[in-house]
Each structure stands twice: as structure tokens, then as C-alpha cells.
Amino acid sequence: MHIPFYPYTMKIEFVQYRVFPTEGDLEDFLHLVKKKNIPYKLEKFASAADSTFLGQAAAKEFILKIPISRVDELNRFLEKEAEEFFPSLSRDYFMFQSSNEELLEILKNPRDWGIENVVYAGKILEERNIGFSLSSIKEEVRQREIEFEKPVKANSALIWMGYLFLPFSYVMGESYAGTLSIFIGFYLFVTKKNNSKGESFPAFDERSRLHGKILIGLGILFWILTNLWYYVLSRYFFN
């Protein structure tokens, strides 16, 4: 299978859109992407454990990435395609055997199921005439997405742990001095989360990220000072 390559540039930001377990599933979906003439990138992924134990025969997943500016367009197109395809959907499809509660859960968690299954769930519930409000569910999902995008306060214990590790820099030796605090600092400062459109947002609030920057700075400082101290000891006292 030919995997096209689109160079990353400052003008086009590609984001992960969907993961496919098999090449066959990927090819079926790419047919729809190509109909809209949307550029894409493909990446093959296999877990380290699979590669170690199964070698080249390890099962691979295919990650599809598209420009973030085209996500909404593709979402609308897939929704329209699913609505048009639903009348011909086989009644053996698993969702026709799902309970009303299970179908409502699909509508409430669209990120876990994909646009097509969300459309099918809504159509099946409409056929069953259970009197649900699709607009209310969509508003509930939208509000959850808004809350998800908000940065949260980091665990205080994690922040204190970062500071408490600093005094133990000397005990850990020159190679590891301050490294745990630096790792915690980077985690607090750079961790991001992606919404359903692929947009990135800081995972932690401004105060937590400030602690992250302080821990990075102090960790580096303690690493330098500890290494200088070990150098002085080895050079002038234990030589």
C-alpha cells in the first residue's frame, strides 16, 4: 500500500483523526477521505512489546492524520454519508441488537465510537420511537467538551514531591541529581490534551505550569551544583 507523504509546515498542522486496526479498514475509510480531496498522512504503529515478542509479524495499527483545518469538514461529510447509507445498513449490524441504554451511551460518548456509529445509534433510536432528545444530548456533549478543554489544577502531592526531591539530589549522585524534579516539572509544564477536533490545550492551569517551570529551573540548578560539589570533592579531597 502506498503511503503518501505531506511535509510538515508552519501553514499546515496535521492532527490524529482516527486509528485503524487493519489495512482493510483503513483503505475503506481512505476512499471517503479522497472523495473530499483532503490531504492526509499515515503512520504505522506497533507497541514495543509486540515488536519484541512477535518481531516483524507484530500487529500494526494505522494512524490517519489530516489538517486540523479540515476536521470539521470531514466530520460533516462522514455524518452525511452515514445518514445516506443507513437505510441499506444490514440488520445484522451489532447496533440493531443493542439496548436503548447502550445506544444512548454511544450518543453521549461520540469520541469513543466514531461519527458513523453515532449517526446509526440516533437513527435506530428514532425508529424505536423512544422519545429521546438528540439536541439535548448534543448540547450535553458540547458542554462536556468545553469543560474538558479547561486546564485543571495539578495534584498538590505531585508538586510537593517535585520540591521534596531537590534536597535529595546529593544522595542520588551527580548523574541523577535533580532529574526527578526536572521530569515532574516538564510533565506539569508541557502536558497537553486534545479535544475531538484535534486542538491542543494545556492540561494544567497557569499556577501548576508555573510550578513546572520553577521545578525545571531548580532541578537544573541542583544538578549543576551537585556536579560541581562532586568535582571539588574528587579533585581536592579524595584525589
Protein backbone atom coordinates (compact mmCIF):
# COMPACT_ATOMS: atom_id res chain seq x y z
CA MET A 1 0.00 0.00 0.00
CA HIS A 2 1.35 3.41 -0.93
CA ILE A 3 1.57 5.80 1.99
CA PRO A 4 1.62 9.43 0.80
CA PHE A 5 3.88 11.96 2.43
CA TYR A 6 2.98 15.57 3.08
CA PRO A 7 5.81 17.60 4.63
CA TYR A 8 5.01 19.27 7.93
CA THR A 9 4.98 23.02 7.55
CA MET A 10 4.07 26.01 9.66
CA LYS A 11 0.98 26.51 7.49
CA ILE A 12 -0.48 23.00 7.71
CA GLU A 13 -0.90 21.32 11.09
CA PHE A 14 -1.78 17.64 10.84
CA VAL A 15 -3.61 16.03 13.76
CA GLN A 16 -4.54 12.44 14.50
CA TYR A 17 -8.04 11.78 13.23
CA ARG A 18 -8.56 8.04 13.57
CA VAL A 19 -6.73 4.79 14.31
CA PHE A 20 -7.40 1.65 12.23
CA PRO A 21 -6.61 -1.89 13.41
CA THR A 22 -6.26 -3.32 9.88
CA GLU A 23 -5.16 -2.14 6.48
CA GLY A 24 -8.53 -3.16 5.06
CA ASP A 25 -10.42 -0.85 7.43
CA LEU A 26 -8.01 1.92 6.53
CA GLU A 27 -8.49 1.51 2.78
CA ASP A 28 -12.28 1.65 3.11
CA PHE A 29 -12.06 4.89 5.06
CA LEU A 30 -9.46 6.46 2.76
CA HIS A 31 -11.94 6.13 -0.09
CA LEU A 32 -14.14 8.67 1.72
CA VAL A 33 -11.23 10.97 2.56
CA LYS A 34 -10.11 11.02 -1.07
CA LYS A 35 -13.64 11.90 -2.22
CA LYS A 36 -13.24 15.22 -0.36
CA ASN A 37 -9.69 15.69 -1.66
CA ILE A 38 -8.38 16.06 1.88
CA PRO A 39 -4.59 15.67 2.27
CA TYR A 40 -3.54 13.10 4.82
CA LYS A 41 -0.62 11.40 6.49
CA LEU A 42 -0.38 7.78 7.57
CA GLU A 43 1.75 6.30 10.30
CA LYS A 44 2.21 2.66 11.21
CA PHE A 45 2.35 1.86 14.87
CA ALA A 46 3.22 -1.30 16.77
CA SER A 47 3.70 -1.47 20.51
CA ALA A 48 7.21 -2.09 21.83
CA ALA A 49 6.01 -5.32 23.46
CA ASP A 50 4.57 -6.60 20.17
CA SER A 51 7.79 -5.78 18.34
CA THR A 52 9.90 -7.52 20.96
CA PHE A 53 7.95 -10.76 21.16
CA LEU A 54 6.49 -11.04 17.68
CA GLY A 55 9.10 -9.28 15.55
CA GLN A 56 8.05 -8.24 12.06
CA ALA A 57 4.82 -10.23 12.39
CA ALA A 58 3.58 -7.91 15.14
CA ALA A 59 0.11 -6.48 14.58
CA LYS A 60 0.27 -2.88 13.44
CA GLU A 61 -2.21 -0.07 13.77
CA PHE A 62 -2.56 2.65 11.17
CA ILE A 63 -2.87 6.24 12.36
CA LEU A 64 -4.58 8.65 9.97
CA LYS A 65 -3.75 12.34 10.27
CA ILE A 66 -5.43 15.21 8.43
CA PRO A 67 -5.05 19.02 8.55
CA ILE A 68 -6.74 20.44 11.62
CA SER A 69 -8.47 22.99 9.38
CA ARG A 70 -10.30 20.16 7.56
CA VAL A 71 -11.55 18.21 10.60
CA ASP A 72 -14.98 19.86 10.75
CA GLU A 73 -15.42 19.43 7.00
CA LEU A 74 -14.65 15.72 7.15
CA ASN A 75 -16.91 15.28 10.18
CA ARG A 76 -19.85 16.84 8.35
CA PHE A 77 -19.16 14.75 5.25
CA LEU A 78 -18.99 11.49 7.22
CA GLU A 79 -22.21 12.34 9.02
CA LYS A 80 -23.98 12.95 5.70
CA GLU A 81 -22.57 9.74 4.21
CA ALA A 82 -23.69 7.72 7.24
CA GLU A 83 -27.22 9.15 7.07
CA GLU A 84 -27.48 8.23 3.39
CA PHE A 85 -26.04 4.74 3.97
CA PHE A 86 -28.22 3.89 6.99
CA PRO A 87 -31.25 2.58 5.01
CA SER A 88 -29.01 -0.06 3.41
CA LEU A 89 -27.21 -0.95 6.65
CA SER A 90 -27.51 -4.68 7.35
CA ARG A 91 -29.90 -5.53 10.16
CA ASP A 92 -27.24 -7.95 11.36
CA TYR A 93 -25.11 -4.97 12.39
CA PHE A 94 -24.46 -5.23 16.14
CA MET A 95 -26.15 -1.93 16.96
CA PHE A 96 -29.57 -3.25 15.97
CA GLN A 97 -29.23 -5.76 18.81
CA SER A 98 -28.10 -3.10 21.31
CA SER A 99 -30.43 -1.89 24.04
CA ASN A 100 -31.78 1.66 24.16
CA GLU A 101 -29.48 2.43 27.08
CA GLU A 102 -26.44 1.20 25.15
CA LEU A 103 -27.37 3.31 22.12
CA LEU A 104 -27.86 6.38 24.29
CA GLU A 105 -24.39 5.81 25.75
CA ILE A 106 -22.97 5.84 22.22
CA LEU A 107 -24.64 9.20 21.57
CA LYS A 108 -23.24 10.57 24.83
CA ASN A 109 -19.69 9.37 24.10
CA PRO A 110 -19.11 10.11 20.39
CA ARG A 111 -15.32 10.20 20.73
CA ASP A 112 -15.32 6.51 21.64
CA TRP A 113 -17.49 5.36 18.74
CA GLY A 114 -16.89 7.49 15.66
CA ILE A 115 -19.29 9.61 13.66
CA GLU A 116 -20.82 6.76 11.68
CA ASN A 117 -21.87 4.74 14.73
CA VAL A 118 -23.22 7.86 16.42
CA VAL A 119 -25.43 8.51 13.40
CA TYR A 120 -26.59 4.88 13.32
CA ALA A 121 -27.40 4.94 17.05
CA GLY A 122 -29.54 8.05 16.61
CA LYS A 123 -31.37 6.58 13.61
CA ILE A 124 -32.09 3.29 15.39
CA LEU A 125 -33.44 5.12 18.43
CA GLU A 126 -35.65 7.21 16.15
CA GLU A 127 -37.02 4.00 14.61
CA ARG A 128 -37.79 2.68 18.09
CA ASN A 129 -39.59 5.94 18.87
CA ILE A 130 -38.44 6.17 22.49
CA GLY A 131 -38.90 9.92 22.67
CA PHE A 132 -35.29 11.00 23.32
CA SER A 133 -33.96 14.50 22.58
CA LEU A 134 -30.97 14.35 20.25
CA SER A 135 -30.40 18.10 20.53
CA SER A 136 -30.23 17.85 24.34
CA ILE A 137 -27.69 15.04 24.13
CA LYS A 138 -25.56 17.03 21.67
CA GLU A 139 -25.67 20.03 24.00
CA GLU A 140 -24.60 17.81 26.89
CA VAL A 141 -21.67 16.51 24.83
CA ARG A 142 -20.72 20.08 23.84
CA GLN A 143 -20.73 21.22 27.48
CA ARG A 144 -18.54 18.26 28.47
CA GLU A 145 -16.13 19.18 25.70
CA ILE A 146 -15.95 22.76 26.98
CA GLU A 147 -15.21 21.50 30.49
CA PHE A 148 -12.62 19.06 29.13
CA GLU A 149 -10.73 21.88 27.39
CA LYS A 150 -10.31 23.82 30.64
CA PRO A 151 -6.93 23.32 32.33
CA VAL A 152 -7.09 21.72 35.77
CA LYS A 153 -5.11 22.19 38.96
CA ALA A 154 -2.34 19.63 39.30
CA ASN A 155 -2.27 17.26 42.25
CA SER A 156 -0.66 19.11 45.16
CA ALA A 157 1.13 15.94 46.27
CA LEU A 158 2.87 15.73 42.87
CA ILE A 159 4.05 19.35 43.11
CA TRP A 160 5.34 18.90 46.67
CA MET A 161 7.05 15.70 45.62
CA GLY A 162 8.93 17.67 42.96
CA TYR A 163 10.23 20.12 45.55
CA LEU A 164 10.99 17.48 48.17
CA PHE A 165 13.14 15.54 45.71
CA LEU A 166 15.51 18.51 45.38
CA PRO A 167 17.24 18.17 48.80
CA PHE A 168 17.99 14.52 48.00
CA SER A 169 19.94 15.48 44.87
CA TYR A 170 23.27 14.95 46.61
CA VAL A 171 22.28 11.48 47.85
CA MET A 172 21.28 10.40 44.35
CA GLY A 173 24.71 11.19 42.94
CA GLU A 174 25.87 13.58 40.27
CA SER A 175 24.28 11.73 37.34
CA TYR A 176 20.73 11.83 38.71
CA ALA A 177 20.79 14.99 40.80
CA GLY A 178 17.60 16.98 40.31
CA THR A 179 16.37 14.75 37.46
CA LEU A 180 13.15 13.63 39.17
CA SER A 181 12.22 17.24 39.85
CA ILE A 182 13.01 18.13 36.24
CA PHE A 183 10.80 15.29 34.95
CA ILE A 184 7.91 16.36 37.18
CA GLY A 185 8.42 19.96 36.08
CA PHE A 186 8.30 19.03 32.40
CA TYR A 187 5.17 16.96 32.99
CA LEU A 188 3.41 19.92 34.61
CA PHE A 189 4.63 22.46 32.07
CA VAL A 190 4.30 20.73 28.70
CA THR A 191 1.49 18.16 29.07
CA LYS A 192 -1.41 18.88 26.73
CA LYS A 193 -4.77 17.30 25.92
CA ASN A 194 -6.62 17.20 22.60
CA ASN A 195 -10.30 17.82 22.04
CA SER A 196 -12.41 15.99 19.47
CA LYS A 197 -11.22 18.37 16.73
CA GLY A 198 -7.57 17.63 17.44
CA GLU A 199 -6.92 21.04 19.00
CA SER A 200 -4.36 21.03 21.82
CA PHE A 201 -4.85 22.66 25.22
CA PRO A 202 -2.62 22.81 28.31
CA ALA A 203 -3.59 20.04 30.70
CA PHE A 204 -2.79 22.07 33.82
CA ASP A 205 -3.68 25.59 34.92
CA GLU A 206 -1.30 28.54 34.87
CA ARG A 207 -0.23 28.19 38.51
CA SER A 208 0.57 24.49 38.06
CA ARG A 209 2.59 25.24 34.92
CA LEU A 210 4.47 27.94 36.84
CA HIS A 211 5.44 25.33 39.43
CA GLY A 212 6.58 23.20 36.50
CA LYS A 213 8.90 25.92 35.22
CA ILE A 214 10.27 26.53 38.72
CA LEU A 215 10.96 22.81 39.20
CA ILE A 216 12.75 22.61 35.85
CA GLY A 217 14.93 25.59 36.76
CA LEU A 218 15.69 24.38 40.29
CA GLY A 219 16.31 20.84 39.08
CA ILE A 220 18.89 22.06 36.56
CA LEU A 221 20.47 24.31 39.19
CA PHE A 222 20.72 21.45 41.70
CA TRP A 223 22.20 19.20 39.00
CA ILE A 224 24.90 21.79 38.24
CA LEU A 225 25.68 22.47 41.91
CA THR A 226 25.79 18.76 42.79
CA ASN A 227 28.15 18.02 39.93
CA LEU A 228 30.38 20.93 40.95
CA TRP A 229 30.37 19.65 44.53
CA TYR A 230 31.33 16.13 43.45
CA TYR A 231 34.06 17.59 41.24
CA VAL A 232 35.50 19.63 44.12
CA LEU A 233 35.41 16.60 46.45
CA SER A 234 37.09 14.30 43.95
CA ARG A 235 39.62 16.94 42.85
CA TYR A 236 40.78 18.30 46.19
CA PHE A 237 39.78 15.85 48.92
CA PHE A 238 39.74 12.33 47.53
CA ASN A 239 42.41 12.57 44.89
